[in-house]
Amino acid sequence: MFPSPAYFLQFLRLFVDNSLIAPRWKESALRFAVAVVDDSRQRACTGSRSDDGRQVQLELAGLRRTLEWTRIQREQLLDRLDLLRLDNQRLQDRVEDLERRLAEIKQQQPLF
């Protein structure tokens, strides 16, 4: 017997929230969880909602919020990466300029 959707979501959310996985993998895991719960909800009877059903709805809403936050974090990280790349290029250009100037100074000094 498979665990209930609520149990699955609690387990996956705990794992995703406390892991050090990259944002893109975290987003994929959350998308998978949302898809599993949506599928489970569609397969369920349309009768009255049980406590488990309400729990699933709450967990699903929480996962959707976490997914949105993960997307925001991913965009922020990509922006930071772009800025770091620009800064790195600027520093590399500065190093090359200083090395060139040092070589010029060495050539100008008389040999003793």
N, C-alpha and C. Protein backbone atom coordinates (compact mmCIF):
# COMPACT_ATOMS: atom_id res chain seq x y z
N MET A 1 0.84 -1.18 0.00
CA MET A 1 0.00 0.00 0.00
C MET A 1 0.88 1.24 0.00
N PHE A 2 0.57 2.16 -0.87
CA PHE A 2 1.33 3.40 -0.97
C PHE A 2 0.91 4.36 0.13
N PRO A 3 1.82 5.22 0.57
CA PRO A 3 1.45 6.19 1.60
C PRO A 3 0.43 7.18 1.04
N SER A 4 -0.26 7.82 1.93
CA SER A 4 -1.26 8.79 1.51
C SER A 4 -0.58 9.99 0.85
N PRO A 5 -1.31 10.73 0.03
CA PRO A 5 -0.73 11.93 -0.58
C PRO A 5 -0.23 12.93 0.47
N ALA A 6 -0.96 13.04 1.57
CA ALA A 6 -0.53 13.97 2.62
C ALA A 6 0.82 13.55 3.19
N TYR A 7 1.00 12.26 3.45
CA TYR A 7 2.26 11.77 3.97
C TYR A 7 3.38 12.00 2.95
N PHE A 8 3.09 11.70 1.70
CA PHE A 8 4.07 11.90 0.63
C PHE A 8 4.52 13.36 0.58
N LEU A 9 3.56 14.28 0.64
CA LEU A 9 3.89 15.70 0.58
C LEU A 9 4.69 16.15 1.79
N GLN A 10 4.32 15.67 2.96
CA GLN A 10 5.07 16.04 4.16
C GLN A 10 6.51 15.56 4.06
N PHE A 11 6.69 14.34 3.62
CA PHE A 11 8.03 13.79 3.48
C PHE A 11 8.83 14.57 2.44
N LEU A 12 8.25 14.79 1.27
CA LEU A 12 8.98 15.47 0.20
C LEU A 12 9.29 16.91 0.58
N ARG A 13 8.35 17.58 1.19
CA ARG A 13 8.59 18.97 1.58
C ARG A 13 9.71 19.05 2.60
N LEU A 14 9.72 18.15 3.59
CA LEU A 14 10.79 18.13 4.57
C LEU A 14 12.13 17.91 3.90
N PHE A 15 12.16 16.97 2.96
CA PHE A 15 13.40 16.68 2.24
C PHE A 15 13.86 17.89 1.42
N VAL A 16 12.96 18.49 0.66
CA VAL A 16 13.32 19.60 -0.22
C VAL A 16 13.72 20.83 0.59
N ASP A 17 12.96 21.15 1.63
CA ASP A 17 13.25 22.34 2.42
C ASP A 17 14.58 22.25 3.15
N ASN A 18 15.00 21.04 3.53
CA ASN A 18 16.22 20.88 4.32
C ASN A 18 17.40 20.38 3.52
N SER A 19 17.28 20.36 2.23
CA SER A 19 18.38 19.85 1.42
C SER A 19 19.20 20.99 0.84
N LEU A 20 20.36 20.63 0.39
CA LEU A 20 21.26 21.60 -0.22
C LEU A 20 21.30 21.43 -1.73
N ILE A 21 20.23 20.88 -2.28
CA ILE A 21 20.20 20.67 -3.72
C ILE A 21 20.05 21.99 -4.44
N ALA A 22 20.50 22.01 -5.68
CA ALA A 22 20.43 23.22 -6.49
C ALA A 22 18.98 23.64 -6.70
N PRO A 23 18.75 24.95 -6.81
CA PRO A 23 17.39 25.44 -6.99
C PRO A 23 16.65 24.81 -8.16
N ARG A 24 17.35 24.53 -9.27
CA ARG A 24 16.63 23.94 -10.40
C ARG A 24 16.16 22.53 -10.09
N TRP A 25 16.93 21.77 -9.29
CA TRP A 25 16.49 20.43 -8.91
C TRP A 25 15.39 20.50 -7.87
N LYS A 26 15.49 21.50 -6.98
CA LYS A 26 14.45 21.70 -5.98
C LYS A 26 13.14 22.02 -6.68
N GLU A 27 13.22 22.87 -7.69
CA GLU A 27 12.02 23.23 -8.45
C GLU A 27 11.43 22.00 -9.13
N SER A 28 12.28 21.15 -9.69
CA SER A 28 11.80 19.93 -10.33
C SER A 28 11.12 19.00 -9.33
N ALA A 29 11.71 18.86 -8.16
CA ALA A 29 11.12 18.01 -7.13
C ALA A 29 9.76 18.54 -6.71
N LEU A 30 9.67 19.84 -6.56
CA LEU A 30 8.39 20.43 -6.16
C LEU A 30 7.34 20.29 -7.26
N ARG A 31 7.75 20.47 -8.50
CA ARG A 31 6.82 20.27 -9.62
C ARG A 31 6.30 18.83 -9.63
N PHE A 32 7.19 17.89 -9.38
CA PHE A 32 6.80 16.49 -9.34
C PHE A 32 5.78 16.25 -8.23
N ALA A 33 6.05 16.81 -7.06
CA ALA A 33 5.13 16.63 -5.94
C ALA A 33 3.76 17.21 -6.25
N VAL A 34 3.73 18.38 -6.83
CA VAL A 34 2.45 18.99 -7.19
C VAL A 34 1.72 18.12 -8.20
N ALA A 35 2.44 17.59 -9.17
CA ALA A 35 1.81 16.73 -10.18
C ALA A 35 1.26 15.46 -9.55
N VAL A 36 2.01 14.87 -8.63
CA VAL A 36 1.54 13.64 -7.96
C VAL A 36 0.27 13.91 -7.18
N VAL A 37 0.26 15.00 -6.46
CA VAL A 37 -0.92 15.31 -5.65
C VAL A 37 -2.10 15.67 -6.53
N ASP A 38 -1.86 16.43 -7.58
CA ASP A 38 -2.95 16.75 -8.50
C ASP A 38 -3.54 15.48 -9.11
N ASP A 39 -2.66 14.56 -9.50
CA ASP A 39 -3.12 13.30 -10.06
C ASP A 39 -3.91 12.50 -9.02
N SER A 40 -3.40 12.46 -7.81
CA SER A 40 -4.09 11.73 -6.75
C SER A 40 -5.45 12.35 -6.47
N ARG A 41 -5.51 13.66 -6.48
CA ARG A 41 -6.77 14.35 -6.22
C ARG A 41 -7.78 14.07 -7.33
N GLN A 42 -7.31 14.01 -8.58
CA GLN A 42 -8.21 13.74 -9.70
C GLN A 42 -8.75 12.32 -9.65
N ARG A 43 -7.95 11.40 -9.13
CA ARG A 43 -8.38 10.00 -9.06
C ARG A 43 -9.31 9.74 -7.87
N ALA A 44 -9.27 10.62 -6.90
CA ALA A 44 -10.09 10.43 -5.70
C ALA A 44 -11.56 10.62 -6.02
N CYS A 45 -12.37 10.07 -5.18
CA CYS A 45 -13.82 10.24 -5.34
C CYS A 45 -14.18 11.70 -5.14
N THR A 46 -15.30 12.09 -5.69
CA THR A 46 -15.74 13.47 -5.57
C THR A 46 -16.65 13.66 -4.37
N GLY A 47 -16.68 12.70 -3.46
CA GLY A 47 -17.51 12.79 -2.26
C GLY A 47 -16.97 13.83 -1.30
N SER A 48 -17.42 13.77 -0.07
CA SER A 48 -17.00 14.75 0.93
C SER A 48 -15.51 14.59 1.21
N ARG A 49 -14.89 15.69 1.54
CA ARG A 49 -13.45 15.68 1.78
C ARG A 49 -13.15 15.20 3.19
N SER A 50 -12.19 14.34 3.27
CA SER A 50 -11.78 13.82 4.57
C SER A 50 -10.70 14.74 5.15
N ASP A 51 -10.30 14.43 6.35
CA ASP A 51 -9.20 15.19 6.95
C ASP A 51 -7.93 15.05 6.12
N ASP A 52 -7.74 13.83 5.58
CA ASP A 52 -6.57 13.61 4.72
C ASP A 52 -6.64 14.50 3.48
N GLY A 53 -7.82 14.65 2.93
CA GLY A 53 -7.99 15.51 1.76
C GLY A 53 -7.68 16.96 2.07
N ARG A 54 -8.13 17.42 3.22
CA ARG A 54 -7.83 18.80 3.62
C ARG A 54 -6.34 18.98 3.87
N GLN A 55 -5.74 17.97 4.46
CA GLN A 55 -4.30 18.02 4.70
C GLN A 55 -3.54 18.08 3.37
N VAL A 56 -3.99 17.30 2.41
CA VAL A 56 -3.36 17.31 1.09
C VAL A 56 -3.49 18.69 0.47
N GLN A 57 -4.66 19.30 0.59
CA GLN A 57 -4.86 20.63 0.03
C GLN A 57 -3.93 21.66 0.68
N LEU A 58 -3.79 21.57 1.99
CA LEU A 58 -2.90 22.50 2.68
C LEU A 58 -1.45 22.29 2.27
N GLU A 59 -1.05 21.03 2.20
CA GLU A 59 0.32 20.72 1.79
C GLU A 59 0.58 21.16 0.36
N LEU A 60 -0.40 20.94 -0.50
CA LEU A 60 -0.26 21.34 -1.90
C LEU A 60 -0.12 22.85 -2.01
N ALA A 61 -0.92 23.58 -1.27
CA ALA A 61 -0.80 25.05 -1.27
C ALA A 61 0.58 25.47 -0.77
N GLY A 62 1.06 24.79 0.27
CA GLY A 62 2.40 25.10 0.78
C GLY A 62 3.48 24.79 -0.23
N LEU A 63 3.34 23.67 -0.93
CA LEU A 63 4.33 23.33 -1.96
C LEU A 63 4.32 24.33 -3.11
N ARG A 64 3.14 24.79 -3.47
CA ARG A 64 3.07 25.79 -4.54
C ARG A 64 3.75 27.09 -4.12
N ARG A 65 3.56 27.48 -2.86
CA ARG A 65 4.26 28.69 -2.37
C ARG A 65 5.76 28.45 -2.35
N THR A 66 6.17 27.28 -1.89
CA THR A 66 7.60 26.96 -1.88
C THR A 66 8.17 26.94 -3.30
N LEU A 67 7.41 26.41 -4.23
CA LEU A 67 7.84 26.39 -5.63
C LEU A 67 8.02 27.80 -6.16
N GLU A 68 7.08 28.68 -5.86
CA GLU A 68 7.19 30.07 -6.31
C GLU A 68 8.41 30.74 -5.68
N TRP A 69 8.63 30.49 -4.39
CA TRP A 69 9.79 31.07 -3.73
C TRP A 69 11.08 30.52 -4.33
N THR A 70 11.09 29.24 -4.67
CA THR A 70 12.27 28.64 -5.29
C THR A 70 12.55 29.29 -6.64
N ARG A 71 11.50 29.56 -7.39
CA ARG A 71 11.68 30.25 -8.68
C ARG A 71 12.29 31.63 -8.47
N ILE A 72 11.80 32.34 -7.47
CA ILE A 72 12.34 33.67 -7.18
C ILE A 72 13.81 33.57 -6.78
N GLN A 73 14.13 32.61 -5.90
CA GLN A 73 15.52 32.42 -5.49
C GLN A 73 16.40 32.08 -6.69
N ARG A 74 15.89 31.25 -7.58
CA ARG A 74 16.66 30.86 -8.76
C ARG A 74 16.98 32.08 -9.62
N GLU A 75 15.98 32.94 -9.82
CA GLU A 75 16.20 34.15 -10.61
C GLU A 75 17.22 35.06 -9.92
N GLN A 76 17.12 35.17 -8.60
CA GLN A 76 18.09 35.99 -7.87
C GLN A 76 19.49 35.43 -8.00
N LEU A 77 19.62 34.10 -7.91
CA LEU A 77 20.93 33.48 -8.05
C LEU A 77 21.50 33.67 -9.45
N LEU A 78 20.64 33.58 -10.46
CA LEU A 78 21.11 33.81 -11.82
C LEU A 78 21.56 35.25 -12.02
N ASP A 79 20.84 36.19 -11.41
CA ASP A 79 21.24 37.59 -11.47
C ASP A 79 22.59 37.80 -10.78
N ARG A 80 22.75 37.17 -9.61
CA ARG A 80 24.03 37.27 -8.90
C ARG A 80 25.17 36.67 -9.72
N LEU A 81 24.88 35.54 -10.38
CA LEU A 81 25.89 34.90 -11.21
C LEU A 81 26.32 35.82 -12.34
N ASP A 82 25.37 36.49 -12.97
CA ASP A 82 25.70 37.44 -14.04
C ASP A 82 26.58 38.56 -13.52
N LEU A 83 26.23 39.11 -12.35
CA LEU A 83 27.04 40.18 -11.77
C LEU A 83 28.44 39.69 -11.41
N LEU A 84 28.54 38.47 -10.88
CA LEU A 84 29.85 37.93 -10.55
C LEU A 84 30.70 37.70 -11.80
N ARG A 85 30.06 37.27 -12.85
CA ARG A 85 30.81 37.08 -14.11
C ARG A 85 31.33 38.41 -14.64
N LEU A 86 30.50 39.44 -14.56
CA LEU A 86 30.95 40.77 -15.00
C LEU A 86 32.10 41.27 -14.13
N ASP A 87 31.97 41.08 -12.82
CA ASP A 87 33.02 41.50 -11.90
C ASP A 87 34.30 40.72 -12.15
N ASN A 88 34.17 39.42 -12.41
CA ASN A 88 35.32 38.58 -12.71
C ASN A 88 36.03 39.07 -13.98
N GLN A 89 35.27 39.40 -14.99
CA GLN A 89 35.87 39.88 -16.23
C GLN A 89 36.60 41.21 -16.01
N ARG A 90 35.99 42.09 -15.21
CA ARG A 90 36.61 43.37 -14.90
C ARG A 90 37.94 43.15 -14.17
N LEU A 91 37.94 42.23 -13.21
CA LEU A 91 39.16 41.94 -12.46
C LEU A 91 40.23 41.30 -13.34
N GLN A 92 39.82 40.42 -14.23
CA GLN A 92 40.79 39.83 -15.15
C GLN A 92 41.41 40.89 -16.06
N ASP A 93 40.59 41.81 -16.53
CA ASP A 93 41.11 42.91 -17.36
C ASP A 93 42.10 43.76 -16.57
N ARG A 94 41.79 44.00 -15.30
CA ARG A 94 42.67 44.80 -14.44
C ARG A 94 44.00 44.08 -14.23
N VAL A 95 43.97 42.77 -13.99
CA VAL A 95 45.19 42.00 -13.79
C VAL A 95 46.05 42.05 -15.06
N GLU A 96 45.42 41.86 -16.20
CA GLU A 96 46.17 41.92 -17.46
C GLU A 96 46.81 43.30 -17.66
N ASP A 97 46.09 44.35 -17.30
CA ASP A 97 46.63 45.70 -17.42
C ASP A 97 47.82 45.90 -16.49
N LEU A 98 47.69 45.42 -15.25
CA LEU A 98 48.80 45.56 -14.31
C LEU A 98 50.01 44.73 -14.74
N GLU A 99 49.78 43.55 -15.27
CA GLU A 99 50.90 42.72 -15.75
C GLU A 99 51.60 43.41 -16.92
N ARG A 100 50.82 44.01 -17.80
CA ARG A 100 51.41 44.73 -18.94
C ARG A 100 52.24 45.92 -18.47
N ARG A 101 51.70 46.65 -17.51
CA ARG A 101 52.43 47.81 -16.98
C ARG A 101 53.70 47.38 -16.27
N LEU A 102 53.64 46.27 -15.52
CA LEU A 102 54.83 45.75 -14.84
C LEU A 102 55.90 45.36 -15.85
N ALA A 103 55.49 44.72 -16.93
CA ALA A 103 56.46 44.34 -17.97
C ALA A 103 57.10 45.58 -18.58
N GLU A 104 56.33 46.64 -18.79
CA GLU A 104 56.88 47.88 -19.35
C GLU A 104 57.89 48.51 -18.39
N ILE A 105 57.57 48.50 -17.10
CA ILE A 105 58.47 49.08 -16.10
C ILE A 105 59.77 48.30 -16.03
N LYS A 106 59.68 46.97 -16.11
CA LYS A 106 60.89 46.15 -16.07
C LYS A 106 61.77 46.42 -17.27
N GLN A 107 61.17 46.66 -18.42
CA GLN A 107 61.96 46.95 -19.62
C GLN A 107 62.64 48.30 -19.52
N GLN A 108 62.05 49.25 -18.84
CA GLN A 108 62.62 50.59 -18.73
C GLN A 108 63.75 50.68 -17.73
N GLN A 109 63.81 49.77 -16.77
CA GLN A 109 64.87 49.81 -15.76
C GLN A 109 66.19 49.35 -16.37
N PRO A 110 67.25 50.10 -16.06
CA PRO A 110 68.57 49.70 -16.57
C PRO A 110 69.07 48.46 -15.84
N LEU A 111 69.80 47.65 -16.54
CA LEU A 111 70.37 46.45 -15.93
C LEU A 111 71.66 46.82 -15.23
N PHE A 112 71.87 46.34 -14.03
CA PHE A 112 73.09 46.65 -13.29
C PHE A 112 74.08 45.55 -13.43
